[in-house]
Structures are given as C-alpha cells and as structure tokens.
Amino acid sequence: MRTTLTLDPDVAALLDQVREKEGLGLKEAVNEGLRYGLLAMTRPRESTPFRTKPWPDAALRIDNVDNVWKVLEELEQPE
C-alpha cells in the first residue's frame, strides 16, 4: 500500500533517531514502528482495580449519610 503521511516534528525526530540507531531505511522503520504501536494499541490494557480502605466505625461522627443536608448541618456545628 502506498500512501502519504505528514509526521509531527517530534515523531519525525524519533523516527530519525531509530533509523540511525538501528540502521534502517525509512520504509522499514515506519513499518516496524507502526506494527509495534498498532499491536500495543490492540492489546487489552491491564488496569489495577481501585480499592478503598474501610474507615473504622468508631471514628464516624455521623450515623447516616443518606440526607446530605443533615450531614452538612451536623458538620457545620461546633464540637
């Protein structure tokens, strides 16, 4: 497949670095870079589930947080 690409300056600089380091031609470097990048983009991303730490019950100042206005009222009162 033959196509025309316009590369961003940072991408072109990286491509030149890779070509020089690996001794590759433009076509080889672009194909290898695209292959590597596209394979990485198609793999499912591993994510770490977000975990929350439980708060000790004894430290809670408010028993029920269902009513937001009541919670705010409780929190605004001096201790």
PDB file of N, CA and C in Angstrom:
ATOM      1  N   MET A   1       0.850  -1.176   0.000  1.00  0.00           N
ATOM      2  CA  MET A   1       0.000   0.000   0.000  1.00  0.00           C
ATOM      3  C   MET A   1       0.895   1.238   0.000  1.00  0.00           C
ATOM      4  N   ARG A   2       0.525   2.160  -0.818  1.00  0.00           N
ATOM      5  CA  ARG A   2       1.306   3.377  -0.936  1.00  0.00           C
ATOM      6  C   ARG A   2       0.452   4.542  -0.448  1.00  0.00           C
ATOM      7  N   THR A   3       1.024   5.368   0.447  1.00  0.00           N
ATOM      8  CA  THR A   3       0.271   6.499   0.980  1.00  0.00           C
ATOM      9  C   THR A   3       1.231   7.617   1.355  1.00  0.00           C
ATOM     10  N   THR A   4       0.677   8.791   1.610  1.00  0.00           N
ATOM     11  CA  THR A   4       1.474   9.934   2.039  1.00  0.00           C
ATOM     12  C   THR A   4       1.126  10.239   3.481  1.00  0.00           C
ATOM     13  N   LEU A   5       2.157  10.415   4.300  1.00  0.00           N
ATOM     14  CA  LEU A   5       1.966  10.745   5.710  1.00  0.00           C
ATOM     15  C   LEU A   5       2.602  12.084   6.015  1.00  0.00           C
ATOM     16  N   THR A   6       1.961  12.838   6.879  1.00  0.00           N
ATOM     17  CA  THR A   6       2.566  14.046   7.416  1.00  0.00           C
ATOM     18  C   THR A   6       2.860  13.754   8.882  1.00  0.00           C
ATOM     19  N   LEU A   7       4.129  13.730   9.233  1.00  0.00           N
ATOM     20  CA  LEU A   7       4.529  13.404  10.593  1.00  0.00           C
ATOM     21  C   LEU A   7       4.700  14.665  11.423  1.00  0.00           C
ATOM     22  N   ASP A   8       4.288  14.575  12.673  1.00  0.00           N
ATOM     23  CA  ASP A   8       4.545  15.667  13.608  1.00  0.00           C
ATOM     24  C   ASP A   8       6.050  15.757  13.817  1.00  0.00           C
ATOM     25  N   PRO A   9       6.567  16.947  14.134  1.00  0.00           N
ATOM     26  CA  PRO A   9       8.020  17.106  14.278  1.00  0.00           C
ATOM     27  C   PRO A   9       8.643  16.156  15.307  1.00  0.00           C
ATOM     28  N   ASP A  10       7.959  15.918  16.430  1.00  0.00           N
ATOM     29  CA  ASP A  10       8.527  15.029  17.445  1.00  0.00           C
ATOM     30  C   ASP A  10       8.572  13.583  16.953  1.00  0.00           C
ATOM     31  N   VAL A  11       7.569  13.179  16.195  1.00  0.00           N
ATOM     32  CA  VAL A  11       7.540  11.819  15.644  1.00  0.00           C
ATOM     33  C   VAL A  11       8.638  11.659  14.597  1.00  0.00           C
ATOM     34  N   ALA A  12       8.813  12.668  13.764  1.00  0.00           N
ATOM     35  CA  ALA A  12       9.862  12.611  12.739  1.00  0.00           C
ATOM     36  C   ALA A  12      11.243  12.532  13.383  1.00  0.00           C
ATOM     37  N   ALA A  13      11.442  13.269  14.474  1.00  0.00           N
ATOM     38  CA  ALA A  13      12.735  13.236  15.168  1.00  0.00           C
ATOM     39  C   ALA A  13      12.981  11.850  15.768  1.00  0.00           C
ATOM     40  N   LEU A  14      11.952  11.253  16.373  1.00  0.00           N
ATOM     41  CA  LEU A  14      12.098   9.906  16.921  1.00  0.00           C
ATOM     42  C   LEU A  14      12.373   8.887  15.824  1.00  0.00           C
ATOM     43  N   LEU A  15      11.684   9.047  14.713  1.00  0.00           N
ATOM     44  CA  LEU A  15      11.892   8.147  13.579  1.00  0.00           C
ATOM     45  C   LEU A  15      13.329   8.239  13.079  1.00  0.00           C
ATOM     46  N   ASP A  16      13.856   9.445  12.989  1.00  0.00           N
ATOM     47  CA  ASP A  16      15.244   9.624  12.565  1.00  0.00           C
ATOM     48  C   ASP A  16      16.216   8.982  13.548  1.00  0.00           C
ATOM     49  N   GLN A  17      15.928   9.117  14.851  1.00  0.00           N
ATOM     50  CA  GLN A  17      16.791   8.505  15.871  1.00  0.00           C
ATOM     51  C   GLN A  17      16.801   6.984  15.722  1.00  0.00           C
ATOM     52  N   VAL A  18      15.621   6.396  15.531  1.00  0.00           N
ATOM     53  CA  VAL A  18      15.513   4.946  15.389  1.00  0.00           C
ATOM     54  C   VAL A  18      16.230   4.485  14.127  1.00  0.00           C
ATOM     55  N   ARG A  19      16.021   5.208  13.039  1.00  0.00           N
ATOM     56  CA  ARG A  19      16.675   4.833  11.775  1.00  0.00           C
ATOM     57  C   ARG A  19      18.188   4.839  11.924  1.00  0.00           C
ATOM     58  N   GLU A  20      18.705   5.879  12.566  1.00  0.00           N
ATOM     59  CA  GLU A  20      20.151   5.999  12.736  1.00  0.00           C
ATOM     60  C   GLU A  20      20.685   4.902  13.656  1.00  0.00           C
ATOM     61  N   LYS A  21      19.990   4.679  14.776  1.00  0.00           N
ATOM     62  CA  LYS A  21      20.446   3.689  15.757  1.00  0.00           C
ATOM     63  C   LYS A  21      20.386   2.262  15.198  1.00  0.00           C
ATOM     64  N   GLU A  22      19.287   1.946  14.511  1.00  0.00           N
ATOM     65  CA  GLU A  22      19.076   0.582  14.028  1.00  0.00           C
ATOM     66  C   GLU A  22      19.598   0.354  12.616  1.00  0.00           C
ATOM     67  N   GLY A  23      19.977   1.431  11.941  1.00  0.00           N
ATOM     68  CA  GLY A  23      20.467   1.300  10.573  1.00  0.00           C
ATOM     69  C   GLY A  23      19.364   0.891   9.603  1.00  0.00           C
ATOM     70  N   LEU A  24      18.161   1.408   9.805  1.00  0.00           N
ATOM     71  CA  LEU A  24      17.010   1.051   8.970  1.00  0.00           C
ATOM     72  C   LEU A  24      16.725   2.133   7.940  1.00  0.00           C
ATOM     73  N   GLY A  25      16.086   1.724   6.867  1.00  0.00           N
ATOM     74  CA  GLY A  25      15.587   2.684   5.898  1.00  0.00           C
ATOM     75  C   GLY A  25      14.277   3.267   6.404  1.00  0.00           C
ATOM     76  N   LEU A  26      13.797   4.285   5.715  1.00  0.00           N
ATOM     77  CA  LEU A  26      12.560   4.958   6.133  1.00  0.00           C
ATOM     78  C   LEU A  26      11.384   3.982   6.146  1.00  0.00           C
ATOM     79  N   LYS A  27      11.230   3.226   5.068  1.00  0.00           N
ATOM     80  CA  LYS A  27      10.107   2.301   4.966  1.00  0.00           C
ATOM     81  C   LYS A  27      10.156   1.246   6.070  1.00  0.00           C
ATOM     82  N   GLU A  28      11.341   0.694   6.309  1.00  0.00           N
ATOM     83  CA  GLU A  28      11.476  -0.340   7.348  1.00  0.00           C
ATOM     84  C   GLU A  28      11.156   0.216   8.735  1.00  0.00           C
ATOM     85  N   ALA A  29      11.669   1.394   9.026  1.00  0.00           N
ATOM     86  CA  ALA A  29      11.467   1.993  10.347  1.00  0.00           C
ATOM     87  C   ALA A  29       9.994   2.342  10.571  1.00  0.00           C
ATOM     88  N   VAL A  30       9.345   2.902   9.554  1.00  0.00           N
ATOM     89  CA  VAL A  30       7.930   3.256   9.680  1.00  0.00           C
ATOM     90  C   VAL A  30       7.091   1.996   9.861  1.00  0.00           C
ATOM     91  N   ASN A  31       7.335   0.964   9.039  1.00  0.00           N
ATOM     92  CA  ASN A  31       6.581  -0.281   9.160  1.00  0.00           C
ATOM     93  C   ASN A  31       6.780  -0.931  10.526  1.00  0.00           C
ATOM     94  N   GLU A  32       8.010  -0.993  10.990  1.00  0.00           N
ATOM     95  CA  GLU A  32       8.281  -1.607  12.285  1.00  0.00           C
ATOM     96  C   GLU A  32       7.623  -0.815  13.417  1.00  0.00           C
ATOM     97  N   GLY A  33       7.739   0.497  13.357  1.00  0.00           N
ATOM     98  CA  GLY A  33       7.130   1.351  14.386  1.00  0.00           C
ATOM     99  C   GLY A  33       5.614   1.243  14.395  1.00  0.00           C
ATOM    100  N   LEU A  34       5.006   1.264  13.212  1.00  0.00           N
ATOM    101  CA  LEU A  34       3.549   1.130  13.130  1.00  0.00           C
ATOM    102  C   LEU A  34       3.095  -0.249  13.613  1.00  0.00           C
ATOM    103  N   ARG A  35       3.819  -1.275  13.211  1.00  0.00           N
ATOM    104  CA  ARG A  35       3.465  -2.637  13.633  1.00  0.00           C
ATOM    105  C   ARG A  35       3.507  -2.741  15.156  1.00  0.00           C
ATOM    106  N   TYR A  36       4.591  -2.273  15.746  1.00  0.00           N
ATOM    107  CA  TYR A  36       4.762  -2.338  17.194  1.00  0.00           C
ATOM    108  C   TYR A  36       3.679  -1.509  17.905  1.00  0.00           C
ATOM    109  N   GLY A  37       3.456  -0.304  17.425  1.00  0.00           N
ATOM    110  CA  GLY A  37       2.469   0.572  18.050  1.00  0.00           C
ATOM    111  C   GLY A  37       1.042   0.067  17.899  1.00  0.00           C
ATOM    112  N   LEU A  38       0.696  -0.419  16.715  1.00  0.00           N
ATOM    113  CA  LEU A  38      -0.666  -0.913  16.489  1.00  0.00           C
ATOM    114  C   LEU A  38      -0.943  -2.182  17.279  1.00  0.00           C
ATOM    115  N   LEU A  39       0.057  -3.053  17.404  1.00  0.00           N
ATOM    116  CA  LEU A  39      -0.128  -4.248  18.236  1.00  0.00           C
ATOM    117  C   LEU A  39      -0.361  -3.852  19.688  1.00  0.00           C
ATOM    118  N   ALA A  40       0.393  -2.863  20.164  1.00  0.00           N
ATOM    119  CA  ALA A  40       0.212  -2.398  21.542  1.00  0.00           C
ATOM    120  C   ALA A  40      -1.169  -1.772  21.736  1.00  0.00           C
ATOM    121  N   MET A  41      -1.671  -1.093  20.713  1.00  0.00           N
ATOM    122  CA  MET A  41      -2.981  -0.443  20.818  1.00  0.00           C
ATOM    123  C   MET A  41      -4.132  -1.444  20.795  1.00  0.00           C
ATOM    124  N   THR A  42      -3.917  -2.616  20.205  1.00  0.00           N
ATOM    125  CA  THR A  42      -5.000  -3.588  20.102  1.00  0.00           C
ATOM    126  C   THR A  42      -5.036  -4.562  21.274  1.00  0.00           C
ATOM    127  N   ARG A  43      -3.995  -4.577  22.088  1.00  0.00           N
ATOM    128  CA  ARG A  43      -3.996  -5.451  23.270  1.00  0.00           C
ATOM    129  C   ARG A  43      -4.874  -4.839  24.355  1.00  0.00           C
ATOM    130  N   PRO A  44      -5.571  -5.691  25.115  1.00  0.00           N
ATOM    131  CA  PRO A  44      -6.349  -5.143  26.227  1.00  0.00           C
ATOM    132  C   PRO A  44      -5.399  -4.529  27.258  1.00  0.00           C
ATOM    133  N   ARG A  45      -5.786  -3.398  27.758  1.00  0.00           N
ATOM    134  CA  ARG A  45      -4.938  -2.712  28.731  1.00  0.00           C
ATOM    135  C   ARG A  45      -5.171  -3.276  30.115  1.00  0.00           C
ATOM    136  N   GLU A  46      -4.077  -3.512  30.791  1.00  0.00           N
ATOM    137  CA  GLU A  46      -4.176  -4.008  32.149  1.00  0.00           C
ATOM    138  C   GLU A  46      -4.414  -2.819  33.076  1.00  0.00           C
ATOM    139  N   SER A  47      -5.377  -2.980  33.948  1.00  0.00           N
ATOM    140  CA  SER A  47      -5.633  -1.915  34.901  1.00  0.00           C
ATOM    141  C   SER A  47      -5.722  -2.508  36.301  1.00  0.00           C
ATOM    142  N   THR A  48      -5.288  -1.739  37.243  1.00  0.00           N
ATOM    143  CA  THR A  48      -5.359  -2.151  38.635  1.00  0.00           C
ATOM    144  C   THR A  48      -6.674  -1.646  39.205  1.00  0.00           C
ATOM    145  N   PRO A  49      -7.479  -2.541  39.770  1.00  0.00           N
ATOM    146  CA  PRO A  49      -8.742  -2.075  40.326  1.00  0.00           C
ATOM    147  C   PRO A  49      -8.499  -1.104  41.486  1.00  0.00           C
ATOM    148  N   PHE A  50      -9.363  -0.110  41.566  1.00  0.00           N
ATOM    149  CA  PHE A  50      -9.264   0.875  42.637  1.00  0.00           C
ATOM    150  C   PHE A  50      -9.851   0.280  43.910  1.00  0.00           C
ATOM    151  N   ARG A  51      -9.107   0.320  44.968  1.00  0.00           N
ATOM    152  CA  ARG A  51      -9.563  -0.206  46.247  1.00  0.00           C
ATOM    153  C   ARG A  51      -9.616   0.927  47.269  1.00  0.00           C
ATOM    154  N   THR A  52     -10.660   0.931  48.065  1.00  0.00           N
ATOM    155  CA  THR A  52     -10.756   1.905  49.151  1.00  0.00           C
ATOM    156  C   THR A  52     -10.528   1.192  50.467  1.00  0.00           C
ATOM    157  N   LYS A  53      -9.937   1.901  51.396  1.00  0.00           N
ATOM    158  CA  LYS A  53      -9.699   1.331  52.708  1.00  0.00           C
ATOM    159  C   LYS A  53     -10.908   1.629  53.589  1.00  0.00           C
ATOM    160  N   PRO A  54     -11.390   0.640  54.308  1.00  0.00           N
ATOM    161  CA  PRO A  54     -12.526   0.888  55.191  1.00  0.00           C
ATOM    162  C   PRO A  54     -12.135   1.814  56.337  1.00  0.00           C
ATOM    163  N   TRP A  55     -13.095   2.618  56.745  1.00  0.00           N
ATOM    164  CA  TRP A  55     -12.894   3.535  57.849  1.00  0.00           C
ATOM    165  C   TRP A  55     -13.447   2.883  59.110  1.00  0.00           C
ATOM    166  N   PRO A  56     -12.734   2.935  60.212  1.00  0.00           N
ATOM    167  CA  PRO A  56     -13.246   2.299  61.418  1.00  0.00           C
ATOM    168  C   PRO A  56     -14.572   2.935  61.855  1.00  0.00           C
ATOM    169  N   ASP A  57     -15.542   2.108  62.188  1.00  0.00           N
ATOM    170  CA  ASP A  57     -16.868   2.601  62.565  1.00  0.00           C
ATOM    171  C   ASP A  57     -16.834   3.544  63.754  1.00  0.00           C
ATOM    172  N   ALA A  58     -15.963   3.299  64.680  1.00  0.00           N
ATOM    173  CA  ALA A  58     -15.916   4.117  65.891  1.00  0.00           C
ATOM    174  C   ALA A  58     -15.532   5.565  65.590  1.00  0.00           C
ATOM    175  N   ALA A  59     -14.859   5.810  64.470  1.00  0.00           N
ATOM    176  CA  ALA A  59     -14.391   7.158  64.158  1.00  0.00           C
ATOM    177  C   ALA A  59     -15.444   7.993  63.435  1.00  0.00           C
ATOM    178  N   LEU A  60     -16.575   7.411  63.064  1.00  0.00           N
ATOM    179  CA  LEU A  60     -17.593   8.160  62.333  1.00  0.00           C
ATOM    180  C   LEU A  60     -18.342   9.111  63.259  1.00  0.00           C
ATOM    181  N   ARG A  61     -18.515  10.343  62.799  1.00  0.00           N
ATOM    182  CA  ARG A  61     -19.275  11.327  63.567  1.00  0.00           C
ATOM    183  C   ARG A  61     -20.750  11.287  63.209  1.00  0.00           C
ATOM    184  N   ILE A  62     -21.082  10.736  62.047  1.00  0.00           N
ATOM    185  CA  ILE A  62     -22.454  10.758  61.549  1.00  0.00           C
ATOM    186  C   ILE A  62     -22.881   9.322  61.269  1.00  0.00           C
ATOM    187  N   ASP A  63     -24.028   8.932  61.827  1.00  0.00           N
ATOM    188  CA  ASP A  63     -24.507   7.562  61.655  1.00  0.00           C
ATOM    189  C   ASP A  63     -25.041   7.304  60.254  1.00  0.00           C
ATOM    190  N   ASN A  64     -25.772   8.275  59.696  1.00  0.00           N
ATOM    191  CA  ASN A  64     -26.458   8.078  58.425  1.00  0.00           C
ATOM    192  C   ASN A  64     -26.115   9.230  57.490  1.00  0.00           C
ATOM    193  N   VAL A  65     -25.585   8.912  56.334  1.00  0.00           N
ATOM    194  CA  VAL A  65     -25.193   9.962  55.384  1.00  0.00           C
ATOM    195  C   VAL A  65     -26.144  10.038  54.191  1.00  0.00           C
ATOM    196  N   ASP A  66     -27.331   9.465  54.324  1.00  0.00           N
ATOM    197  CA  ASP A  66     -28.295   9.492  53.223  1.00  0.00           C
ATOM    198  C   ASP A  66     -28.842  10.886  52.965  1.00  0.00           C
ATOM    199  N   ASN A  67     -29.003  11.678  53.995  1.00  0.00           N
ATOM    200  CA  ASN A  67     -29.532  13.035  53.860  1.00  0.00           C
ATOM    201  C   ASN A  67     -28.358  14.017  53.875  1.00  0.00           C
ATOM    202  N   VAL A  68     -28.022  14.521  52.716  1.00  0.00           N
ATOM    203  CA  VAL A  68     -26.860  15.402  52.568  1.00  0.00           C
ATOM    204  C   VAL A  68     -27.016  16.665  53.396  1.00  0.00           C
ATOM    205  N   TRP A  69     -28.194  17.233  53.407  1.00  0.00           N
ATOM    206  CA  TRP A  69     -28.403  18.489  54.146  1.00  0.00           C
ATOM    207  C   TRP A  69     -28.206  18.271  55.642  1.00  0.00           C
ATOM    208  N   LYS A  70     -28.653  17.137  56.141  1.00  0.00           N
ATOM    209  CA  LYS A  70     -28.468  16.829  57.567  1.00  0.00           C
ATOM    210  C   LYS A  70     -26.981  16.631  57.875  1.00  0.00           C
ATOM    211  N   VAL A  71     -26.279  15.990  56.997  1.00  0.00           N
ATOM    212  CA  VAL A  71     -24.839  15.784  57.180  1.00  0.00           C
ATOM    213  C   VAL A  71     -24.124  17.132  57.225  1.00  0.00           C
ATOM    214  N   LEU A  72     -24.450  18.015  56.288  1.00  0.00           N
ATOM    215  CA  LEU A  72     -23.819  19.343  56.271  1.00  0.00           C
ATOM    216  C   LEU A  72     -24.131  20.115  57.538  1.00  0.00           C
ATOM    217  N   GLU A  73     -25.359  20.018  57.988  1.00  0.00           N
ATOM    218  CA  GLU A  73     -25.763  20.699  59.219  1.00  0.00           C
ATOM    219  C   GLU A  73     -24.954  20.181  60.407  1.00  0.00           C
ATOM    220  N   GLU A  74     -24.795  18.864  60.463  1.00  0.00           N
ATOM    221  CA  GLU A  74     -24.011  18.256  61.559  1.00  0.00           C
ATOM    222  C   GLU A  74     -22.548  18.694  61.504  1.00  0.00           C
ATOM    223  N   LEU A  75     -21.995  18.742  60.326  1.00  0.00           N
ATOM    224  CA  LEU A  75     -20.588  19.093  60.191  1.00  0.00           C
ATOM    225  C   LEU A  75     -20.306  20.543  60.475  1.00  0.00           C
ATOM    226  N   GLU A  76     -21.285  21.408  60.258  1.00  0.00           N
ATOM    227  CA  GLU A  76     -21.084  22.848  60.470  1.00  0.00           C
ATOM    228  C   GLU A  76     -21.223  23.252  61.923  1.00  0.00           C
ATOM    229  N   GLN A  77     -21.768  22.393  62.751  1.00  0.00           N
ATOM    230  CA  GLN A  77     -21.918  22.714  64.157  1.00  0.00           C
ATOM    231  C   GLN A  77     -20.589  22.558  64.882  1.00  0.00           C
ATOM    232  N   PRO A  78     -20.285  23.474  65.795  1.00  0.00           N
ATOM    233  CA  PRO A  78     -19.035  23.326  66.552  1.00  0.00           C
ATOM    234  C   PRO A  78     -19.108  22.098  67.461  1.00  0.00           C
ATOM    235  N   GLU A  79     -17.953  21.506  67.706  1.00  0.00           N
ATOM    236  CA  GLU A  79     -17.930  20.275  68.513  1.00  0.00           C
ATOM    237  C   GLU A  79     -18.155  20.580  69.969  1.00  0.00           C
TER     238      GLU A  79
END
